[in-house]
PDB file of N, CA and C in Angstrom:
ATOM      1  N   MET A   1       0.817  -1.190   0.000  1.00  0.00           N
ATOM      2  CA  MET A   1       0.000   0.000   0.000  1.00  0.00           C
ATOM      3  C   MET A   1       0.864   1.258   0.000  1.00  0.00           C
ATOM      4  N   LEU A   2       1.847   1.298   0.865  1.00  0.00           N
ATOM      5  CA  LEU A   2       2.739   2.455   0.938  1.00  0.00           C
ATOM      6  C   LEU A   2       3.549   2.587  -0.353  1.00  0.00           C
ATOM      7  N   ALA A   3       3.954   1.454  -0.911  1.00  0.00           N
ATOM      8  CA  ALA A   3       4.716   1.480  -2.164  1.00  0.00           C
ATOM      9  C   ALA A   3       3.855   2.026  -3.305  1.00  0.00           C
ATOM     10  N   ASP A   4       2.571   1.698  -3.311  1.00  0.00           N
ATOM     11  CA  ASP A   4       1.675   2.211  -4.349  1.00  0.00           C
ATOM     12  C   ASP A   4       1.544   3.725  -4.257  1.00  0.00           C
ATOM     13  N   ILE A   5       1.416   4.232  -3.070  1.00  0.00           N
ATOM     14  CA  ILE A   5       1.290   5.680  -2.871  1.00  0.00           C
ATOM     15  C   ILE A   5       2.578   6.382  -3.313  1.00  0.00           C
ATOM     16  N   LEU A   6       3.733   5.809  -2.980  1.00  0.00           N
ATOM     17  CA  LEU A   6       5.003   6.393  -3.390  1.00  0.00           C
ATOM     18  C   LEU A   6       5.151   6.384  -4.904  1.00  0.00           C
ATOM     19  N   HIS A   7       4.722   5.317  -5.561  1.00  0.00           N
ATOM     20  CA  HIS A   7       4.776   5.260  -7.028  1.00  0.00           C
ATOM     21  C   HIS A   7       3.896   6.338  -7.651  1.00  0.00           C
ATOM     22  N   ILE A   8       2.716   6.523  -7.093  1.00  0.00           N
ATOM     23  CA  ILE A   8       1.805   7.546  -7.613  1.00  0.00           C
ATOM     24  C   ILE A   8       2.409   8.935  -7.424  1.00  0.00           C
ATOM     25  N   LEU A   9       2.947   9.214  -6.249  1.00  0.00           N
ATOM     26  CA  LEU A   9       3.554  10.521  -5.991  1.00  0.00           C
ATOM     27  C   LEU A   9       4.773  10.760  -6.873  1.00  0.00           C
ATOM     28  N   LEU A  10       5.587   9.753  -7.039  1.00  0.00           N
ATOM     29  CA  LEU A  10       6.766   9.875  -7.883  1.00  0.00           C
ATOM     30  C   LEU A  10       6.361  10.134  -9.342  1.00  0.00           C
ATOM     31  N   GLY A  11       5.364   9.411  -9.822  1.00  0.00           N
ATOM     32  CA  GLY A  11       4.876   9.631 -11.182  1.00  0.00           C
ATOM     33  C   GLY A  11       4.297  11.021 -11.357  1.00  0.00           C
ATOM     34  N   LEU A  12       3.587  11.510 -10.355  1.00  0.00           N
ATOM     35  CA  LEU A  12       3.004  12.850 -10.402  1.00  0.00           C
ATOM     36  C   LEU A  12       4.095  13.922 -10.435  1.00  0.00           C
ATOM     37  N   ILE A  13       5.098  13.773  -9.609  1.00  0.00           N
ATOM     38  CA  ILE A  13       6.197  14.749  -9.567  1.00  0.00           C
ATOM     39  C   ILE A  13       6.961  14.752 -10.889  1.00  0.00           C
ATOM     40  N   ILE A  14       7.277  13.574 -11.409  1.00  0.00           N
ATOM     41  CA  ILE A  14       8.002  13.485 -12.685  1.00  0.00           C
ATOM     42  C   ILE A  14       7.158  14.096 -13.808  1.00  0.00           C
ATOM     43  N   GLY A  15       5.859  13.833 -13.813  1.00  0.00           N
ATOM     44  CA  GLY A  15       4.972  14.393 -14.826  1.00  0.00           C
ATOM     45  C   GLY A  15       4.897  15.911 -14.753  1.00  0.00           C
ATOM     46  N   LEU A  16       4.827  16.451 -13.555  1.00  0.00           N
ATOM     47  CA  LEU A  16       4.775  17.907 -13.388  1.00  0.00           C
ATOM     48  C   LEU A  16       6.065  18.570 -13.867  1.00  0.00           C
ATOM     49  N   VAL A  17       7.195  18.004 -13.503  1.00  0.00           N
ATOM     50  CA  VAL A  17       8.478  18.579 -13.905  1.00  0.00           C
ATOM     51  C   VAL A  17       8.639  18.495 -15.425  1.00  0.00           C
ATOM     52  N   ALA A  18       8.326  17.357 -15.992  1.00  0.00           N
ATOM     53  CA  ALA A  18       8.451  17.189 -17.451  1.00  0.00           C
ATOM     54  C   ALA A  18       7.495  18.135 -18.174  1.00  0.00           C
ATOM     55  N   GLY A  19       6.270  18.260 -17.702  1.00  0.00           N
ATOM     56  CA  GLY A  19       5.307  19.158 -18.321  1.00  0.00           C
ATOM     57  C   GLY A  19       5.752  20.605 -18.258  1.00  0.00           C
ATOM     58  N   PHE A  20       6.303  21.010 -17.117  1.00  0.00           N
ATOM     59  CA  PHE A  20       6.791  22.377 -16.971  1.00  0.00           C
ATOM     60  C   PHE A  20       7.924  22.660 -17.943  1.00  0.00           C
ATOM     61  N   LEU A  21       8.881  21.744 -18.038  1.00  0.00           N
ATOM     62  CA  LEU A  21      10.030  21.956 -18.919  1.00  0.00           C
ATOM     63  C   LEU A  21       9.613  21.986 -20.387  1.00  0.00           C
ATOM     64  N   ILE A  22       8.689  21.126 -20.769  1.00  0.00           N
ATOM     65  CA  ILE A  22       8.224  21.112 -22.159  1.00  0.00           C
ATOM     66  C   ILE A  22       7.476  22.403 -22.480  1.00  0.00           C
ATOM     67  N   ALA A  23       6.603  22.845 -21.579  1.00  0.00           N
ATOM     68  CA  ALA A  23       5.846  24.080 -21.796  1.00  0.00           C
ATOM     69  C   ALA A  23       6.781  25.284 -21.872  1.00  0.00           C
ATOM     70  N   LYS A  24       7.808  25.310 -21.036  1.00  0.00           N
ATOM     71  CA  LYS A  24       8.766  26.420 -21.043  1.00  0.00           C
ATOM     72  C   LYS A  24       9.514  26.469 -22.378  1.00  0.00           C
ATOM     73  N   LYS A  25       9.936  25.315 -22.860  1.00  0.00           N
ATOM     74  CA  LYS A  25      10.677  25.262 -24.128  1.00  0.00           C
ATOM     75  C   LYS A  25       9.789  25.718 -25.292  1.00  0.00           C
ATOM     76  N   ILE A  26       8.546  25.270 -25.320  1.00  0.00           N
ATOM     77  CA  ILE A  26       7.623  25.667 -26.382  1.00  0.00           C
ATOM     78  C   ILE A  26       7.368  27.172 -26.328  1.00  0.00           C
ATOM     79  N   PHE A  27       7.180  27.713 -25.133  1.00  0.00           N
ATOM     80  CA  PHE A  27       6.918  29.145 -24.979  1.00  0.00           C
ATOM     81  C   PHE A  27       8.106  29.974 -25.449  1.00  0.00           C
ATOM     82  N   GLN A  28       9.321  29.569 -25.088  1.00  0.00           N
ATOM     83  CA  GLN A  28      10.512  30.291 -25.524  1.00  0.00           C
ATOM     84  C   GLN A  28      10.665  30.224 -27.047  1.00  0.00           C
ATOM     85  N   LYS A  29      10.358  29.085 -27.641  1.00  0.00           N
ATOM     86  CA  LYS A  29      10.437  28.937 -29.096  1.00  0.00           C
ATOM     87  C   LYS A  29       9.441  29.871 -29.776  1.00  0.00           C
ATOM     88  N   GLN A  30       8.235  29.958 -29.246  1.00  0.00           N
ATOM     89  CA  GLN A  30       7.216  30.838 -29.820  1.00  0.00           C
ATOM     90  C   GLN A  30       7.630  32.297 -29.715  1.00  0.00           C
ATOM     91  N   LEU A  31       8.224  32.692 -28.601  1.00  0.00           N
ATOM     92  CA  LEU A  31       8.681  34.074 -28.445  1.00  0.00           C
ATOM     93  C   LEU A  31       9.801  34.396 -29.423  1.00  0.00           C
ATOM     94  N   LYS A  32      10.677  33.435 -29.669  1.00  0.00           N
ATOM     95  CA  LYS A  32      11.780  33.667 -30.598  1.00  0.00           C
ATOM     96  C   LYS A  32      11.267  33.784 -32.032  1.00  0.00           C
ATOM     97  N   GLU A  33      10.303  32.943 -32.406  1.00  0.00           N
ATOM     98  CA  GLU A  33       9.768  32.962 -33.764  1.00  0.00           C
ATOM     99  C   GLU A  33       8.857  34.163 -33.997  1.00  0.00           C
ATOM    100  N   ASN A  34       8.113  34.575 -32.986  1.00  0.00           N
ATOM    101  CA  ASN A  34       7.145  35.663 -33.109  1.00  0.00           C
ATOM    102  C   ASN A  34       7.394  36.689 -32.015  1.00  0.00           C
ATOM    103  N   PRO A  35       8.406  37.523 -32.178  1.00  0.00           N
ATOM    104  CA  PRO A  35       8.685  38.495 -31.121  1.00  0.00           C
ATOM    105  C   PRO A  35       7.501  39.431 -30.926  1.00  0.00           C
ATOM    106  N   PRO A  36       7.232  39.794 -29.681  1.00  0.00           N
ATOM    107  CA  PRO A  36       6.059  40.602 -29.405  1.00  0.00           C
ATOM    108  C   PRO A  36       6.135  42.015 -29.973  1.00  0.00           C
ATOM    109  N   VAL A  37       7.324  42.579 -30.085  1.00  0.00           N
ATOM    110  CA  VAL A  37       7.475  43.948 -30.587  1.00  0.00           C
ATOM    111  C   VAL A  37       8.693  43.991 -31.511  1.00  0.00           C
ATOM    112  N   SER A  38       8.532  44.633 -32.670  1.00  0.00           N
ATOM    113  CA  SER A  38       9.646  44.784 -33.597  1.00  0.00           C
ATOM    114  C   SER A  38      10.019  46.258 -33.708  1.00  0.00           C
ATOM    115  N   GLU A  39      11.119  46.527 -34.393  1.00  0.00           N
ATOM    116  CA  GLU A  39      11.568  47.913 -34.559  1.00  0.00           C
ATOM    117  C   GLU A  39      10.532  48.724 -35.333  1.00  0.00           C
ATOM    118  N   GLU A  40       9.934  48.103 -36.341  1.00  0.00           N
ATOM    119  CA  GLU A  40       8.927  48.816 -37.131  1.00  0.00           C
ATOM    120  C   GLU A  40       7.722  49.186 -36.282  1.00  0.00           C
ATOM    121  N   MET A  41       7.341  48.298 -35.366  1.00  0.00           N
ATOM    122  CA  MET A  41       6.208  48.594 -34.483  1.00  0.00           C
ATOM    123  C   MET A  41       6.528  49.782 -33.583  1.00  0.00           C
ATOM    124  N   ILE A  42       7.750  49.823 -33.076  1.00  0.00           N
ATOM    125  CA  ILE A  42       8.153  50.937 -32.206  1.00  0.00           C
ATOM    126  C   ILE A  42       8.153  52.242 -32.988  1.00  0.00           C
ATOM    127  N   LYS A  43       8.692  52.215 -34.198  1.00  0.00           N
ATOM    128  CA  LYS A  43       8.720  53.425 -35.022  1.00  0.00           C
ATOM    129  C   LYS A  43       7.309  53.913 -35.317  1.00  0.00           C
ATOM    130  N   THR A  44       6.412  52.998 -35.662  1.00  0.00           N
ATOM    131  CA  THR A  44       5.029  53.367 -35.964  1.00  0.00           C
ATOM    132  C   THR A  44       4.346  53.949 -34.734  1.00  0.00           C
ATOM    133  N   LEU A  45       4.574  53.348 -33.587  1.00  0.00           N
ATOM    134  CA  LEU A  45       3.979  53.833 -32.343  1.00  0.00           C
ATOM    135  C   LEU A  45       4.464  55.242 -32.016  1.00  0.00           C
ATOM    136  N   MET A  46       5.764  55.469 -32.150  1.00  0.00           N
ATOM    137  CA  MET A  46       6.312  56.788 -31.825  1.00  0.00           C
ATOM    138  C   MET A  46       5.823  57.836 -32.830  1.00  0.00           C
ATOM    139  N   ARG A  47       5.710  57.462 -34.110  1.00  0.00           N
ATOM    140  CA  ARG A  47       5.184  58.404 -35.104  1.00  0.00           C
ATOM    141  C   ARG A  47       3.724  58.729 -34.797  1.00  0.00           C
ATOM    142  N   GLY A  48       2.988  57.753 -34.321  1.00  0.00           N
ATOM    143  CA  GLY A  48       1.595  57.964 -33.946  1.00  0.00           C
ATOM    144  C   GLY A  48       1.450  58.919 -32.777  1.00  0.00           C
ATOM    145  N   MET A  49       2.477  58.994 -31.939  1.00  0.00           N
ATOM    146  CA  MET A  49       2.459  59.927 -30.808  1.00  0.00           C
ATOM    147  C   MET A  49       3.016  61.290 -31.209  1.00  0.00           C
ATOM    148  N   GLY A  50       3.355  61.449 -32.477  1.00  0.00           N
ATOM    149  CA  GLY A  50       3.825  62.741 -32.952  1.00  0.00           C
ATOM    150  C   GLY A  50       5.323  62.952 -32.819  1.00  0.00           C
ATOM    151  N   ARG A  51       6.083  61.875 -32.620  1.00  0.00           N
ATOM    152  CA  ARG A  51       7.538  61.977 -32.508  1.00  0.00           C
ATOM    153  C   ARG A  51       8.177  61.307 -33.706  1.00  0.00           C
ATOM    154  N   ASN A  52       9.279  61.858 -34.159  1.00  0.00           N
ATOM    155  CA  ASN A  52      10.044  61.233 -35.233  1.00  0.00           C
ATOM    156  C   ASN A  52      11.245  60.540 -34.579  1.00  0.00           C
ATOM    157  N   PRO A  53      11.180  59.215 -34.410  1.00  0.00           N
ATOM    158  CA  PRO A  53      12.211  58.521 -33.637  1.00  0.00           C
ATOM    159  C   PRO A  53      13.534  58.390 -34.394  1.00  0.00           C
ATOM    160  N   SER A  54      14.622  58.562 -33.660  1.00  0.00           N
ATOM    161  CA  SER A  54      15.933  58.286 -34.238  1.00  0.00           C
ATOM    162  C   SER A  54      16.241  56.802 -34.032  1.00  0.00           C
ATOM    163  N   GLN A  55      17.220  56.301 -34.765  1.00  0.00           N
ATOM    164  CA  GLN A  55      17.576  54.886 -34.623  1.00  0.00           C
ATOM    165  C   GLN A  55      18.102  54.593 -33.227  1.00  0.00           C
ATOM    166  N   LYS A  56      18.756  55.567 -32.622  1.00  0.00           N
ATOM    167  CA  LYS A  56      19.277  55.399 -31.263  1.00  0.00           C
ATOM    168  C   LYS A  56      18.128  55.183 -30.276  1.00  0.00           C
ATOM    169  N   GLN A  57      17.056  55.960 -30.407  1.00  0.00           N
ATOM    170  CA  GLN A  57      15.907  55.811 -29.516  1.00  0.00           C
ATOM    171  C   GLN A  57      15.243  54.446 -29.715  1.00  0.00           C
ATOM    172  N   VAL A  58      15.143  54.025 -30.968  1.00  0.00           N
ATOM    173  CA  VAL A  58      14.539  52.723 -31.253  1.00  0.00           C
ATOM    174  C   VAL A  58      15.388  51.613 -30.649  1.00  0.00           C
ATOM    175  N   ASN A  59      16.705  51.711 -30.795  1.00  0.00           N
ATOM    176  CA  ASN A  59      17.599  50.691 -30.233  1.00  0.00           C
ATOM    177  C   ASN A  59      17.497  50.644 -28.715  1.00  0.00           C
ATOM    178  N   GLN A  60      17.383  51.808 -28.061  1.00  0.00           N
ATOM    179  CA  GLN A  60      17.246  51.841 -26.606  1.00  0.00           C
ATOM    180  C   GLN A  60      15.953  51.151 -26.164  1.00  0.00           C
ATOM    181  N   LEU A  61      14.869  51.421 -26.866  1.00  0.00           N
ATOM    182  CA  LEU A  61      13.602  50.774 -26.521  1.00  0.00           C
ATOM    183  C   LEU A  61      13.663  49.271 -26.748  1.00  0.00           C
ATOM    184  N   MET A  62      14.313  48.846 -27.825  1.00  0.00           N
ATOM    185  CA  MET A  62      14.442  47.406 -28.091  1.00  0.00           C
ATOM    186  C   MET A  62      15.242  46.715 -26.993  1.00  0.00           C
ATOM    187  N   LYS A  63      16.314  47.360 -26.525  1.00  0.00           N
ATOM    188  CA  LYS A  63      17.114  46.786 -25.447  1.00  0.00           C
ATOM    189  C   LYS A  63      16.293  46.670 -24.161  1.00  0.00           C
ATOM    190  N   GLN A  64      15.498  47.693 -23.879  1.00  0.00           N
ATOM    191  CA  GLN A  64      14.653  47.650 -22.686  1.00  0.00           C
ATOM    192  C   GLN A  64      13.613  46.548 -22.804  1.00  0.00           C
ATOM    193  N   MET A  65      13.055  46.380 -23.969  1.00  0.00           N
ATOM    194  CA  MET A  65      12.034  45.325 -24.165  1.00  0.00           C
ATOM    195  C   MET A  65      12.668  43.949 -24.013  1.00  0.00           C
ATOM    196  N   GLN A  66      13.869  43.745 -24.560  1.00  0.00           N
ATOM    197  CA  GLN A  66      14.538  42.448 -24.468  1.00  0.00           C
ATOM    198  C   GLN A  66      14.972  42.152 -23.032  1.00  0.00           C
ATOM    199  N   LYS A  67      15.259  43.191 -22.292  1.00  0.00           N
ATOM    200  CA  LYS A  67      15.685  43.023 -20.892  1.00  0.00           C
ATOM    201  C   LYS A  67      14.586  42.381 -20.056  1.00  0.00           C
ATOM    202  N   TYR A  68      13.319  42.691 -20.366  1.00  0.00           N
ATOM    203  CA  TYR A  68      12.209  42.193 -19.568  1.00  0.00           C
ATOM    204  C   TYR A  68      11.575  40.934 -20.136  1.00  0.00           C
ATOM    205  N   GLN A  69      12.153  40.351 -21.175  1.00  0.00           N
ATOM    206  CA  GLN A  69      11.606  39.109 -21.729  1.00  0.00           C
ATOM    207  C   GLN A  69      12.219  37.914 -21.088  1.00  0.00           C
TER     208      GLN A  69
END
């Protein structure tokens, strides 16, 4: 009886860890293939706010966005 409970708990723990690692890998792959914000999006957004962005400003924003990913 105790061995059965340990087998169930061990299987549950292994399943949770494997599921977490697989989900993390898939999520990172999706972020790499489809980045949430591109340079063109930043330029369009800044132009929409009435600013003409320089490449330096765009690069700074891209670095800040990558820092929080």
